[in-house]
Structure formats: C-alpha cells, structure tokens
Amino acid sequence: MTHTVHPYAHRIGILRDWKSRWFGSRKKYSEYLKADVLIREYLEKKLRKFYISSIETERSEKLFRIIIKTSRAGMLIGRSGEGVQKLKDDIIAFMDKNNLTKSKELKVDIEEIRYPETDAAVVGMMVAEALEKRMPFRRVLKMTVEKVAANRDVKGVKISISGRLGGAEMARREELKKGGIPLQTFRADIDFAKEKAYMSYGVIGIKVWIYKGEIFKK
C-alpha cells in the first residue's frame, strides 16, 4: 500500500531544514518542545491576517530566537519597530501565563517574503480570505492558480479545497492543477501548505502544492 507523505517532511535533510533548531537535555527536551508547539499555535492564530509563511525557532543556553516569515513585514513591524516590541511583550506574557521555559533573552526577527505567489502558505491564506469574503469557489481557484502560474519561478501548482463548497448540504472536493507536481522526486523543490477557511456553515480545508523546479548541488 502506498502512503501519502508530507512534502516538507519528505525532503528534510535533503532540501529542507527543521523549523525548530536547538539541542536540549533529557530533562528540558519536553519543556522546550511544549513551549515551541504552544508559541507556534499562539502566533499562527494571532498573526493570521499578516500572511505568515512559517514560524521558526532557535535556542541556545541564553537566547531564544523566533523567526517569522511574512509577506506583510511592514505592517507587522510597524512604525520604528513598535509592532515587534508589542509582539515580544505579548509572547513573554503568554509564556508567563502558561509557565513555559524561558531563556534569558528573547529575540523576534521578521523576514519578508519577496514573492508571495511562490509561497504555498501565503497562497493558502489568500484562498481562505477570498472564500471567507463569499467569493465563488471556482472563480477563486481559477484566479489563484493563474496568478501563481504567471510567476516565472513556478513550474507547477495544484490547489485543492474540500468541505461544504458553496454552502451545499453534502461536502465534496474540488481541485485545480496547472503544470507538473513530481511529489516522488526528492530534488524537486515542492512547497506545501494546509489552511482553513472559517465559514458560517462550517470549515473548508485548503491544500496548496507549488513546484519550483529541481535543485542540484553546485
């Protein structure tokens, strides 16, 4: 029997790196892991409107660093860094509230995504936002696929949505594909993301695959 593997996990150590980078002793491992999971969930929920691509964490003995990759960096940073400082204070308050292990210093870095159309997570959020605005789902799929495929770095794109589409009684699945998506090729640079659109009649699941060509060692 075949098994569907997450395209990101499938390429860890080949094309991708871990999203949490740290070493912990046996005693602190579970504490660090709990902190990472809760902070990531908290930030994904809090910063949903900022089109967050990924949240990465790095730890050392003294420093805890959170790297947020977003296509709306200017909005998140704010005037003279006010937004980052407020976010930092919110994270510290969240860690205190949940009794999470803290390092001596917390650093929040914001990285901007130059081409949002080539990032699966951002594209997923665009689809979710359009669906939540009650736009027809077929038009949303077509517009988004054409917008992504228009980028010269993209070799293939597939978007799948499932749930009570158009408010129908029975849930179903619709997908639109343009170009190739070679999921079994390790050197294929495939970006994958899942997102949810919260509608009044239920949740619609969104999956996005973006293929950007093959990567060879120099």
N, C-alpha and C. Protein backbone atom coordinates (compact mmCIF):
# COMPACT_ATOMS: atom_id res chain seq x y z
N MET A 1 0.85 -1.20 0.00
CA MET A 1 0.00 0.00 0.00
C MET A 1 0.89 1.25 0.00
N THR A 2 0.47 2.24 -0.75
CA THR A 2 1.24 3.50 -0.75
C THR A 2 0.83 4.36 0.44
N HIS A 3 1.73 5.21 0.84
CA HIS A 3 1.46 6.12 1.96
C HIS A 3 1.71 7.55 1.48
N THR A 4 0.76 8.42 1.76
CA THR A 4 0.95 9.82 1.41
C THR A 4 1.85 10.48 2.45
N VAL A 5 2.96 11.04 2.00
CA VAL A 5 3.93 11.66 2.90
C VAL A 5 3.87 13.17 2.74
N HIS A 6 4.03 13.88 3.84
CA HIS A 6 4.04 15.35 3.79
C HIS A 6 5.24 15.80 2.95
N PRO A 7 5.01 16.61 1.89
CA PRO A 7 6.11 17.00 1.01
C PRO A 7 7.27 17.72 1.71
N TYR A 8 6.97 18.43 2.82
CA TYR A 8 8.06 19.12 3.55
C TYR A 8 8.89 18.09 4.32
N ALA A 9 8.21 17.22 5.09
CA ALA A 9 8.91 16.21 5.90
C ALA A 9 9.70 15.25 5.01
N HIS A 10 9.17 14.99 3.81
CA HIS A 10 9.79 14.06 2.85
C HIS A 10 11.18 14.55 2.42
N ARG A 11 11.40 15.88 2.50
CA ARG A 11 12.65 16.46 2.00
C ARG A 11 13.54 17.03 3.09
N ILE A 12 13.22 16.76 4.36
CA ILE A 12 14.08 17.25 5.45
C ILE A 12 15.44 16.55 5.38
N GLY A 13 16.48 17.36 5.44
CA GLY A 13 17.83 16.82 5.34
C GLY A 13 18.33 16.76 3.91
N ILE A 14 17.43 16.96 2.94
CA ILE A 14 17.82 16.96 1.53
C ILE A 14 17.72 18.39 0.99
N LEU A 15 16.50 18.94 1.01
CA LEU A 15 16.30 20.33 0.57
C LEU A 15 15.86 21.23 1.72
N ARG A 16 15.24 20.64 2.75
CA ARG A 16 14.64 21.44 3.83
C ARG A 16 15.40 21.26 5.14
N ASP A 17 15.22 22.24 6.01
CA ASP A 17 15.81 22.18 7.36
C ASP A 17 14.67 22.11 8.37
N TRP A 18 15.00 21.72 9.60
CA TRP A 18 13.99 21.67 10.66
C TRP A 18 13.50 23.08 11.00
N LYS A 19 12.23 23.19 11.40
CA LYS A 19 11.68 24.51 11.77
C LYS A 19 11.99 24.87 13.21
N SER A 20 12.43 23.89 14.00
CA SER A 20 12.91 24.16 15.37
C SER A 20 14.36 23.67 15.43
N ARG A 21 15.27 24.58 15.74
CA ARG A 21 16.69 24.22 15.74
C ARG A 21 17.28 24.48 17.13
N TRP A 22 17.43 23.41 17.89
CA TRP A 22 18.04 23.51 19.22
C TRP A 22 18.36 22.12 19.75
N PHE A 23 19.20 22.06 20.78
CA PHE A 23 19.51 20.80 21.46
C PHE A 23 19.14 20.97 22.92
N GLY A 24 18.46 19.98 23.50
CA GLY A 24 18.09 20.08 24.91
C GLY A 24 18.44 18.80 25.65
N SER A 25 18.74 18.93 26.92
CA SER A 25 18.99 17.75 27.73
C SER A 25 17.69 16.97 27.91
N ARG A 26 17.76 15.76 28.40
CA ARG A 26 16.55 14.93 28.56
C ARG A 26 15.51 15.63 29.43
N LYS A 27 15.98 16.31 30.46
CA LYS A 27 15.05 16.97 31.39
C LYS A 27 14.31 18.13 30.72
N LYS A 28 15.05 18.89 29.89
CA LYS A 28 14.45 20.10 29.31
C LYS A 28 13.81 19.87 27.94
N TYR A 29 14.04 18.70 27.35
CA TYR A 29 13.54 18.46 25.99
C TYR A 29 12.02 18.63 25.90
N SER A 30 11.29 17.98 26.80
CA SER A 30 9.82 18.04 26.77
C SER A 30 9.32 19.47 27.02
N GLU A 31 10.03 20.21 27.90
CA GLU A 31 9.64 21.60 28.19
C GLU A 31 9.83 22.48 26.96
N TYR A 32 10.98 22.33 26.29
CA TYR A 32 11.27 23.11 25.09
C TYR A 32 10.26 22.80 23.98
N LEU A 33 9.97 21.49 23.83
CA LEU A 33 9.04 21.06 22.78
C LEU A 33 7.64 21.64 23.02
N LYS A 34 7.19 21.57 24.27
CA LYS A 34 5.88 22.12 24.63
C LYS A 34 5.84 23.63 24.35
N ALA A 35 6.91 24.33 24.73
CA ALA A 35 6.98 25.78 24.51
C ALA A 35 6.91 26.11 23.02
N ASP A 36 7.67 25.36 22.22
CA ASP A 36 7.70 25.60 20.76
C ASP A 36 6.32 25.41 20.14
N VAL A 37 5.66 24.31 20.49
CA VAL A 37 4.35 23.99 19.91
C VAL A 37 3.31 25.04 20.30
N LEU A 38 3.27 25.41 21.60
CA LEU A 38 2.26 26.37 22.07
C LEU A 38 2.50 27.77 21.50
N ILE A 39 3.77 28.19 21.43
CA ILE A 39 4.10 29.52 20.89
C ILE A 39 3.75 29.58 19.40
N ARG A 40 4.06 28.50 18.68
CA ARG A 40 3.75 28.47 17.24
C ARG A 40 2.24 28.56 17.01
N GLU A 41 1.46 27.80 17.78
CA GLU A 41 0.00 27.82 17.65
C GLU A 41 -0.56 29.21 17.99
N TYR A 42 -0.01 29.81 19.06
CA TYR A 42 -0.45 31.13 19.50
C TYR A 42 -0.18 32.19 18.43
N LEU A 43 1.03 32.17 17.85
CA LEU A 43 1.40 33.17 16.84
C LEU A 43 0.63 32.98 15.53
N GLU A 44 0.42 31.72 15.13
CA GLU A 44 -0.34 31.45 13.90
C GLU A 44 -1.76 32.00 14.00
N LYS A 45 -2.35 31.87 15.19
CA LYS A 45 -3.71 32.36 15.41
C LYS A 45 -3.72 33.90 15.49
N LYS A 46 -2.76 34.46 16.21
CA LYS A 46 -2.72 35.90 16.45
C LYS A 46 -2.36 36.69 15.18
N LEU A 47 -1.45 36.14 14.36
CA LEU A 47 -0.93 36.88 13.21
C LEU A 47 -1.51 36.39 11.88
N ARG A 48 -2.70 35.80 11.92
CA ARG A 48 -3.28 35.20 10.71
C ARG A 48 -3.43 36.22 9.56
N LYS A 49 -3.82 37.44 9.89
CA LYS A 49 -4.07 38.45 8.84
C LYS A 49 -2.79 38.98 8.19
N PHE A 50 -1.62 38.64 8.78
CA PHE A 50 -0.35 39.14 8.24
C PHE A 50 0.28 38.21 7.20
N TYR A 51 -0.45 37.16 6.79
CA TYR A 51 0.05 36.20 5.80
C TYR A 51 1.39 35.60 6.23
N ILE A 52 1.37 34.87 7.32
CA ILE A 52 2.58 34.25 7.86
C ILE A 52 2.89 32.98 7.07
N SER A 53 4.12 32.88 6.56
CA SER A 53 4.54 31.70 5.81
C SER A 53 5.02 30.60 6.77
N SER A 54 5.93 30.95 7.66
CA SER A 54 6.42 29.96 8.64
C SER A 54 6.96 30.66 9.88
N ILE A 55 6.95 29.91 10.98
CA ILE A 55 7.49 30.41 12.25
C ILE A 55 8.57 29.43 12.68
N GLU A 56 9.82 29.89 12.73
CA GLU A 56 10.95 29.03 13.09
C GLU A 56 11.52 29.47 14.43
N THR A 57 12.08 28.50 15.16
CA THR A 57 12.65 28.83 16.47
C THR A 57 14.09 28.31 16.57
N GLU A 58 14.91 29.09 17.24
CA GLU A 58 16.31 28.69 17.51
C GLU A 58 16.59 28.93 18.99
N ARG A 59 17.26 28.00 19.62
CA ARG A 59 17.57 28.14 21.05
C ARG A 59 19.05 27.91 21.31
N SER A 60 19.58 28.68 22.25
CA SER A 60 20.89 28.40 22.82
C SER A 60 20.71 28.52 24.34
N GLU A 61 21.78 28.43 25.08
CA GLU A 61 21.67 28.50 26.54
C GLU A 61 21.05 29.81 27.01
N LYS A 62 21.41 30.91 26.33
CA LYS A 62 20.95 32.23 26.79
C LYS A 62 19.88 32.86 25.90
N LEU A 63 19.86 32.49 24.62
CA LEU A 63 19.00 33.19 23.66
C LEU A 63 17.90 32.28 23.09
N PHE A 64 16.69 32.83 23.02
CA PHE A 64 15.57 32.16 22.34
C PHE A 64 15.16 33.08 21.19
N ARG A 65 15.32 32.58 19.95
CA ARG A 65 15.08 33.41 18.77
C ARG A 65 13.89 32.87 17.99
N ILE A 66 12.95 33.76 17.67
CA ILE A 66 11.78 33.39 16.86
C ILE A 66 11.88 34.12 15.52
N ILE A 67 11.87 33.35 14.42
CA ILE A 67 11.96 33.94 13.08
C ILE A 67 10.60 33.81 12.42
N ILE A 68 9.98 34.95 12.09
CA ILE A 68 8.66 34.96 11.46
C ILE A 68 8.82 35.40 10.01
N LYS A 69 8.42 34.53 9.08
CA LYS A 69 8.50 34.87 7.66
C LYS A 69 7.11 35.28 7.18
N THR A 70 7.00 36.50 6.68
CA THR A 70 5.70 37.06 6.30
C THR A 70 5.80 37.89 5.03
N SER A 71 4.67 38.00 4.32
CA SER A 71 4.66 38.84 3.12
C SER A 71 4.20 40.26 3.45
N ARG A 72 3.79 40.48 4.71
CA ARG A 72 3.36 41.81 5.15
C ARG A 72 4.25 42.29 6.30
N ALA A 73 5.55 42.30 6.02
CA ALA A 73 6.53 42.63 7.06
C ALA A 73 6.35 44.05 7.59
N GLY A 74 6.10 45.00 6.69
CA GLY A 74 5.94 46.42 7.09
C GLY A 74 4.80 46.60 8.08
N MET A 75 3.66 45.94 7.82
CA MET A 75 2.51 46.05 8.73
C MET A 75 2.83 45.45 10.10
N LEU A 76 3.58 44.34 10.09
CA LEU A 76 3.89 43.65 11.35
C LEU A 76 4.93 44.41 12.18
N ILE A 77 5.93 44.98 11.50
CA ILE A 77 6.99 45.71 12.21
C ILE A 77 6.44 47.02 12.78
N GLY A 78 5.60 47.72 12.00
CA GLY A 78 5.02 48.99 12.47
C GLY A 78 6.02 50.13 12.42
N ARG A 79 5.57 51.29 12.91
CA ARG A 79 6.44 52.47 12.90
C ARG A 79 7.58 52.30 13.89
N SER A 80 8.79 52.49 13.38
CA SER A 80 10.03 52.39 14.18
C SER A 80 10.04 51.16 15.11
N GLY A 81 9.50 50.04 14.60
CA GLY A 81 9.59 48.77 15.34
C GLY A 81 8.63 48.60 16.50
N GLU A 82 7.57 49.42 16.54
CA GLU A 82 6.60 49.32 17.65
C GLU A 82 5.89 47.96 17.67
N GLY A 83 5.55 47.48 16.46
CA GLY A 83 4.82 46.22 16.34
C GLY A 83 5.61 45.04 16.88
N VAL A 84 6.93 45.02 16.58
CA VAL A 84 7.79 43.92 17.03
C VAL A 84 7.91 43.93 18.55
N GLN A 85 8.07 45.13 19.12
CA GLN A 85 8.20 45.24 20.58
C GLN A 85 6.92 44.78 21.28
N LYS A 86 5.77 45.17 20.73
CA LYS A 86 4.49 44.76 21.31
C LYS A 86 4.32 43.24 21.21
N LEU A 87 4.71 42.68 20.05
CA LEU A 87 4.63 41.23 19.85
C LEU A 87 5.53 40.48 20.84
N LYS A 88 6.73 41.04 21.05
CA LYS A 88 7.69 40.46 22.00
C LYS A 88 7.10 40.44 23.41
N ASP A 89 6.46 41.55 23.81
CA ASP A 89 5.83 41.64 25.14
C ASP A 89 4.68 40.64 25.26
N ASP A 90 3.91 40.49 24.17
CA ASP A 90 2.79 39.54 24.17
C ASP A 90 3.28 38.10 24.33
N ILE A 91 4.39 37.77 23.65
CA ILE A 91 4.95 36.40 23.74
C ILE A 91 5.44 36.13 25.16
N ILE A 92 6.12 37.12 25.77
CA ILE A 92 6.61 36.96 27.15
C ILE A 92 5.44 36.76 28.11
N ALA A 93 4.37 37.55 27.92
CA ALA A 93 3.17 37.43 28.76
C ALA A 93 2.52 36.05 28.58
N PHE A 94 2.49 35.56 27.32
CA PHE A 94 1.92 34.23 27.02
C PHE A 94 2.74 33.13 27.69
N MET A 95 4.07 33.27 27.64
CA MET A 95 4.96 32.26 28.26
C MET A 95 4.81 32.24 29.77
N ASP A 96 4.65 33.43 30.38
CA ASP A 96 4.44 33.51 31.83
C ASP A 96 3.11 32.87 32.23
N LYS A 97 2.09 33.16 31.43
CA LYS A 97 0.74 32.65 31.72
C LYS A 97 0.69 31.12 31.68
N ASN A 98 1.44 30.53 30.72
CA ASN A 98 1.42 29.08 30.54
C ASN A 98 2.60 28.35 31.21
N ASN A 99 3.37 29.10 32.01
CA ASN A 99 4.53 28.54 32.73
C ASN A 99 5.52 27.83 31.80
N LEU A 100 5.85 28.49 30.69
CA LEU A 100 6.77 27.89 29.72
C LEU A 100 8.21 28.27 30.05
N THR A 101 9.14 27.38 29.71
CA THR A 101 10.56 27.60 29.98
C THR A 101 11.06 28.79 29.17
N LYS A 102 11.67 29.76 29.86
CA LYS A 102 12.16 30.97 29.19
C LYS A 102 13.68 31.02 29.21
N SER A 103 14.26 31.60 28.14
CA SER A 103 15.69 31.87 28.11
C SER A 103 15.92 33.28 28.66
N LYS A 104 17.18 33.63 28.88
CA LYS A 104 17.48 34.96 29.43
C LYS A 104 17.06 36.07 28.47
N GLU A 105 17.21 35.78 27.15
CA GLU A 105 16.91 36.82 26.16
C GLU A 105 15.97 36.26 25.09
N LEU A 106 14.98 37.05 24.71
CA LEU A 106 14.06 36.68 23.63
C LEU A 106 14.26 37.65 22.46
N LYS A 107 14.44 37.09 21.28
CA LYS A 107 14.64 37.92 20.09
C LYS A 107 13.61 37.52 19.04
N VAL A 108 12.93 38.51 18.45
CA VAL A 108 11.94 38.26 17.40
C VAL A 108 12.44 38.89 16.10
N ASP A 109 12.68 38.06 15.08
CA ASP A 109 13.14 38.55 13.78
C ASP A 109 12.01 38.41 12.76
N ILE A 110 11.83 39.45 11.95
CA ILE A 110 10.81 39.42 10.90
C ILE A 110 11.51 39.36 9.55
N GLU A 111 11.20 38.35 8.75
CA GLU A 111 11.78 38.22 7.40
C GLU A 111 10.68 38.38 6.37
N GLU A 112 10.94 39.19 5.36
CA GLU A 112 9.93 39.45 4.33
C GLU A 112 10.04 38.46 3.18
N ILE A 113 8.89 38.00 2.70
CA ILE A 113 8.84 37.13 1.52
C ILE A 113 8.67 38.03 0.30
N ARG A 114 9.64 38.02 -0.58
CA ARG A 114 9.59 38.94 -1.73
C ARG A 114 8.53 38.56 -2.75
N TYR A 115 8.35 37.26 -2.97
CA TYR A 115 7.37 36.81 -3.97
C TYR A 115 6.31 35.95 -3.29
N PRO A 116 5.25 36.58 -2.76
CA PRO A 116 4.22 35.84 -2.02
C PRO A 116 3.53 34.75 -2.86
N GLU A 117 3.45 34.95 -4.20
CA GLU A 117 2.75 33.99 -5.06
C GLU A 117 3.48 32.65 -5.14
N THR A 118 4.78 32.62 -4.74
CA THR A 118 5.53 31.37 -4.82
C THR A 118 5.57 30.65 -3.47
N ASP A 119 4.86 31.19 -2.48
CA ASP A 119 4.85 30.58 -1.15
C ASP A 119 3.50 29.92 -0.89
N ALA A 120 3.51 28.61 -0.65
CA ALA A 120 2.26 27.85 -0.51
C ALA A 120 1.40 28.33 0.65
N ALA A 121 2.01 28.65 1.79
CA ALA A 121 1.25 29.08 2.97
C ALA A 121 0.52 30.40 2.71
N VAL A 122 1.22 31.32 2.05
CA VAL A 122 0.62 32.63 1.74
C VAL A 122 -0.52 32.47 0.72
N VAL A 123 -0.30 31.62 -0.29
CA VAL A 123 -1.33 31.37 -1.30
C VAL A 123 -2.56 30.73 -0.64
N GLY A 124 -2.34 29.80 0.29
CA GLY A 124 -3.44 29.18 1.03
C GLY A 124 -4.26 30.20 1.79
N MET A 125 -3.58 31.18 2.40
CA MET A 125 -4.28 32.24 3.14
C MET A 125 -5.06 33.16 2.20
N MET A 126 -4.50 33.40 1.02
CA MET A 126 -5.21 34.22 0.02
C MET A 126 -6.53 33.54 -0.38
N VAL A 127 -6.47 32.22 -0.59
CA VAL A 127 -7.67 31.46 -0.97
C VAL A 127 -8.69 31.50 0.17
N ALA A 128 -8.20 31.28 1.41
CA ALA A 128 -9.08 31.29 2.59
C ALA A 128 -9.77 32.64 2.74
N GLU A 129 -9.00 33.72 2.56
CA GLU A 129 -9.54 35.07 2.71
C GLU A 129 -10.63 35.34 1.66
N ALA A 130 -10.36 34.89 0.42
CA ALA A 130 -11.34 35.09 -0.66
C ALA A 130 -12.62 34.29 -0.40
N LEU A 131 -12.47 33.05 0.09
CA LEU A 131 -13.64 32.22 0.38
C LEU A 131 -14.46 32.81 1.53
N GLU A 132 -13.75 33.35 2.54
CA GLU A 132 -14.43 33.96 3.69
C GLU A 132 -15.19 35.23 3.29
N LYS A 133 -14.77 35.84 2.18
CA LYS A 133 -15.49 37.01 1.66
C LYS A 133 -16.66 36.60 0.76
N ARG A 134 -16.96 35.31 0.74
CA ARG A 134 -18.09 34.73 -0.01
C ARG A 134 -17.93 34.84 -1.52
N MET A 135 -16.71 34.80 -2.01
CA MET A 135 -16.50 34.77 -3.46
C MET A 135 -16.76 33.35 -3.97
N PRO A 136 -17.23 33.17 -5.20
CA PRO A 136 -17.48 31.82 -5.73
C PRO A 136 -16.19 30.99 -5.75
N PHE A 137 -16.25 29.77 -5.22
CA PHE A 137 -15.02 28.99 -5.02
C PHE A 137 -14.32 28.63 -6.34
N ARG A 138 -15.09 28.39 -7.41
CA ARG A 138 -14.45 28.04 -8.69
C ARG A 138 -13.66 29.23 -9.25
N ARG A 139 -14.22 30.42 -9.09
CA ARG A 139 -13.52 31.62 -9.55
C ARG A 139 -12.25 31.85 -8.72
N VAL A 140 -12.36 31.63 -7.42
CA VAL A 140 -11.19 31.79 -6.52
C VAL A 140 -10.08 30.84 -6.94
N LEU A 141 -10.43 29.56 -7.18
CA LEU A 141 -9.44 28.56 -7.60
C LEU A 141 -8.76 28.98 -8.91
N LYS A 142 -9.58 29.35 -9.89
CA LYS A 142 -9.05 29.70 -11.22
C LYS A 142 -8.14 30.93 -11.15
N MET A 143 -8.59 31.97 -10.46
CA MET A 143 -7.81 33.21 -10.35
C MET A 143 -6.48 32.96 -9.64
N THR A 144 -6.54 32.20 -8.54
CA THR A 144 -5.33 31.96 -7.75
C THR A 144 -4.32 31.12 -8.53
N VAL A 145 -4.79 30.05 -9.17
CA VAL A 145 -3.88 29.19 -9.96
C VAL A 145 -3.22 29.98 -11.07
N GLU A 146 -3.98 30.82 -11.76
CA GLU A 146 -3.41 31.63 -12.85
C GLU A 146 -2.40 32.65 -12.33
N LYS A 147 -2.71 33.22 -11.17
CA LYS A 147 -1.81 34.21 -10.56
C LYS A 147 -0.47 33.57 -10.16
N VAL A 148 -0.56 32.37 -9.59
CA VAL A 148 0.66 31.65 -9.15
C VAL A 148 1.45 31.19 -10.37
N ALA A 149 0.77 30.60 -11.35
CA ALA A 149 1.44 30.07 -12.55
C ALA A 149 2.09 31.17 -13.39
N ALA A 150 1.62 32.40 -13.24
CA ALA A 150 2.18 33.52 -14.02
C ALA A 150 3.61 33.86 -13.58
N ASN A 151 4.00 33.43 -12.37
CA ASN A 151 5.36 33.70 -11.88
C ASN A 151 6.35 32.78 -12.60
N ARG A 152 7.44 33.34 -13.08
CA ARG A 152 8.38 32.55 -13.90
C ARG A 152 9.12 31.47 -13.10
N ASP A 153 9.19 31.61 -11.77
CA ASP A 153 9.87 30.60 -10.94
C ASP A 153 9.01 29.36 -10.72
N VAL A 154 7.73 29.46 -10.98
CA VAL A 154 6.80 28.36 -10.69
C VAL A 154 6.66 27.46 -11.91
N LYS A 155 6.91 26.14 -11.70
CA LYS A 155 6.79 25.16 -12.79
C LYS A 155 5.47 24.40 -12.74
N GLY A 156 4.82 24.42 -11.58
CA GLY A 156 3.54 23.73 -11.44
C GLY A 156 2.83 24.14 -10.17
N VAL A 157 1.50 24.11 -10.19
CA VAL A 157 0.72 24.47 -9.00
C VAL A 157 -0.54 23.63 -8.94
N LYS A 158 -0.91 23.22 -7.74
CA LYS A 158 -2.17 22.49 -7.54
C LYS A 158 -2.82 23.01 -6.27
N ILE A 159 -4.11 23.34 -6.35
CA ILE A 159 -4.86 23.80 -5.18
C ILE A 159 -6.09 22.91 -5.03
N SER A 160 -6.28 22.40 -3.82
CA SER A 160 -7.42 21.52 -3.54
C SER A 160 -8.23 22.10 -2.39
N ILE A 161 -9.55 22.18 -2.54
CA ILE A 161 -10.40 22.64 -1.44
C ILE A 161 -11.48 21.58 -1.19
N SER A 162 -11.82 21.38 0.07
CA SER A 162 -12.84 20.37 0.40
C SER A 162 -13.68 20.84 1.57
N GLY A 163 -14.95 20.43 1.55
CA GLY A 163 -15.89 20.83 2.60
C GLY A 163 -17.24 21.14 1.97
N ARG A 164 -18.05 21.91 2.66
CA ARG A 164 -19.38 22.28 2.14
C ARG A 164 -19.23 23.45 1.16
N LEU A 165 -18.74 23.14 0.00
CA LEU A 165 -18.46 24.19 -1.01
C LEU A 165 -19.74 24.84 -1.48
N GLY A 166 -19.76 26.17 -1.45
CA GLY A 166 -20.94 26.92 -1.86
C GLY A 166 -22.12 26.73 -0.93
N GLY A 167 -21.85 26.23 0.28
CA GLY A 167 -22.92 26.03 1.27
C GLY A 167 -23.76 24.79 1.01
N ALA A 168 -23.27 23.88 0.14
CA ALA A 168 -24.02 22.66 -0.19
C ALA A 168 -24.18 21.77 1.05
N GLU A 169 -25.24 20.95 1.05
CA GLU A 169 -25.50 20.06 2.19
C GLU A 169 -24.43 18.99 2.32
N MET A 170 -24.00 18.46 1.17
CA MET A 170 -23.00 17.39 1.18
C MET A 170 -21.61 17.94 0.85
N ALA A 171 -20.64 17.55 1.66
CA ALA A 171 -19.27 18.02 1.43
C ALA A 171 -18.68 17.34 0.20
N ARG A 172 -17.83 18.06 -0.50
CA ARG A 172 -17.14 17.47 -1.64
C ARG A 172 -15.78 18.12 -1.82
N ARG A 173 -15.03 17.62 -2.78
CA ARG A 173 -13.68 18.11 -3.00
C ARG A 173 -13.52 18.61 -4.44
N GLU A 174 -12.87 19.76 -4.58
CA GLU A 174 -12.60 20.31 -5.91
C GLU A 174 -11.11 20.66 -5.96
N GLU A 175 -10.48 20.42 -7.09
CA GLU A 175 -9.07 20.83 -7.22
C GLU A 175 -8.78 21.33 -8.63
N LEU A 176 -7.77 22.16 -8.71
CA LEU A 176 -7.35 22.72 -10.00
C LEU A 176 -5.82 22.65 -10.06
N LYS A 177 -5.32 22.20 -11.20
CA LYS A 177 -3.88 21.98 -11.34
C LYS A 177 -3.37 22.58 -12.64
N LYS A 178 -2.16 23.11 -12.59
CA LYS A 178 -1.52 23.64 -13.80
C LYS A 178 -0.03 23.30 -13.72
N GLY A 179 0.50 22.64 -14.74
CA GLY A 179 1.91 22.23 -14.70
C GLY A 179 2.07 20.89 -13.97
N GLY A 180 3.31 20.52 -13.68
CA GLY A 180 3.60 19.24 -13.03
C GLY A 180 3.90 19.38 -11.55
N ILE A 181 3.57 18.33 -10.77
CA ILE A 181 3.90 18.29 -9.34
C ILE A 181 4.56 16.93 -9.06
N PRO A 182 5.88 16.77 -9.28
CA PRO A 182 6.53 15.46 -9.07
C PRO A 182 6.83 15.20 -7.59
N LEU A 183 5.83 14.67 -6.88
CA LEU A 183 5.95 14.50 -5.42
C LEU A 183 7.00 13.47 -5.01
N GLN A 184 7.28 12.50 -5.87
CA GLN A 184 8.22 11.43 -5.50
C GLN A 184 9.68 11.80 -5.74
N THR A 185 9.92 12.91 -6.45
CA THR A 185 11.30 13.31 -6.75
C THR A 185 11.88 14.11 -5.59
N PHE A 186 12.92 13.58 -4.95
CA PHE A 186 13.49 14.24 -3.77
C PHE A 186 14.06 15.62 -4.08
N ARG A 187 14.69 15.75 -5.25
CA ARG A 187 15.31 17.05 -5.55
C ARG A 187 14.32 18.08 -6.08
N ALA A 188 13.05 17.69 -6.23
CA ALA A 188 12.02 18.64 -6.67
C ALA A 188 11.67 19.58 -5.52
N ASP A 189 11.79 20.87 -5.77
CA ASP A 189 11.50 21.88 -4.74
C ASP A 189 9.99 22.13 -4.70
N ILE A 190 9.30 21.37 -3.83
CA ILE A 190 7.84 21.49 -3.73
C ILE A 190 7.47 22.09 -2.38
N ASP A 191 6.77 23.20 -2.44
CA ASP A 191 6.28 23.87 -1.23
C ASP A 191 4.83 23.43 -1.02
N PHE A 192 4.51 23.05 0.22
CA PHE A 192 3.16 22.54 0.52
C PHE A 192 2.63 23.20 1.79
N ALA A 193 1.34 23.49 1.79
CA ALA A 193 0.74 24.10 3.00
C ALA A 193 -0.73 23.73 3.09
N LYS A 194 -1.21 23.69 4.35
CA LYS A 194 -2.64 23.48 4.61
C LYS A 194 -3.19 24.73 5.28
N GLU A 195 -4.43 25.06 4.96
CA GLU A 195 -5.09 26.23 5.56
C GLU A 195 -6.57 25.93 5.72
N LYS A 196 -7.25 26.70 6.54
CA LYS A 196 -8.69 26.53 6.75
C LYS A 196 -9.40 27.85 6.50
N ALA A 197 -10.56 27.78 5.85
CA ALA A 197 -11.42 28.95 5.68
C ALA A 197 -12.62 28.75 6.60
N TYR A 198 -12.84 29.68 7.52
CA TYR A 198 -13.91 29.54 8.51
C TYR A 198 -15.19 30.21 8.00
N MET A 199 -16.13 29.37 7.57
CA MET A 199 -17.39 29.87 7.01
C MET A 199 -18.50 29.73 8.05
N SER A 200 -19.63 30.40 7.78
CA SER A 200 -20.75 30.34 8.74
C SER A 200 -21.36 28.94 8.80
N TYR A 201 -21.21 28.15 7.73
CA TYR A 201 -21.80 26.81 7.69
C TYR A 201 -20.78 25.70 7.93
N GLY A 202 -19.57 26.05 8.30
CA GLY A 202 -18.54 25.04 8.58
C GLY A 202 -17.18 25.47 8.07
N VAL A 203 -16.23 24.56 8.19
CA VAL A 203 -14.84 24.86 7.80
C VAL A 203 -14.55 24.25 6.43
N ILE A 204 -13.84 25.00 5.59
CA ILE A 204 -13.39 24.48 4.29
C ILE A 204 -11.88 24.31 4.35
N GLY A 205 -11.43 23.10 4.06
CA GLY A 205 -10.00 22.80 4.08
C GLY A 205 -9.34 23.16 2.76
N ILE A 206 -8.13 23.72 2.83
CA ILE A 206 -7.40 24.14 1.63
C ILE A 206 -6.00 23.52 1.65
N LYS A 207 -5.60 22.93 0.53
CA LYS A 207 -4.24 22.41 0.39
C LYS A 207 -3.61 23.03 -0.86
N VAL A 208 -2.35 23.42 -0.73
CA VAL A 208 -1.65 24.06 -1.86
C VAL A 208 -0.29 23.39 -2.08
N TRP A 209 -0.02 23.02 -3.32
CA TRP A 209 1.29 22.50 -3.72
C TRP A 209 1.87 23.45 -4.77
N ILE A 210 3.12 23.88 -4.58
CA ILE A 210 3.77 24.74 -5.59
C ILE A 210 5.13 24.13 -5.92
N TYR A 211 5.33 23.82 -7.20
CA TYR A 211 6.59 23.22 -7.67
C TYR A 211 7.46 24.27 -8.35
N LYS A 212 8.71 24.41 -7.84
CA LYS A 212 9.57 25.49 -8.35
C LYS A 212 10.81 24.95 -9.09
N GLY A 213 10.73 23.73 -9.60
CA GLY A 213 11.87 23.18 -10.35
C GLY A 213 12.73 22.30 -9.47
N GLU A 214 13.76 21.72 -10.08
CA GLU A 214 14.66 20.81 -9.36
C GLU A 214 15.90 21.53 -8.88
N ILE A 215 16.39 21.10 -7.69
CA ILE A 215 17.58 21.71 -7.11
C ILE A 215 18.73 20.70 -7.16
N PHE A 216 19.83 21.12 -7.76
CA PHE A 216 21.02 20.26 -7.83
C PHE A 216 22.14 20.88 -7.02
N LYS A 217 22.99 20.02 -6.45
CA LYS A 217 24.14 20.53 -5.68
C LYS A 217 25.10 21.22 -6.62
N LYS A 218 25.65 22.35 -6.16
CA LYS A 218 26.59 23.07 -7.00
C LYS A 218 27.95 22.35 -6.96
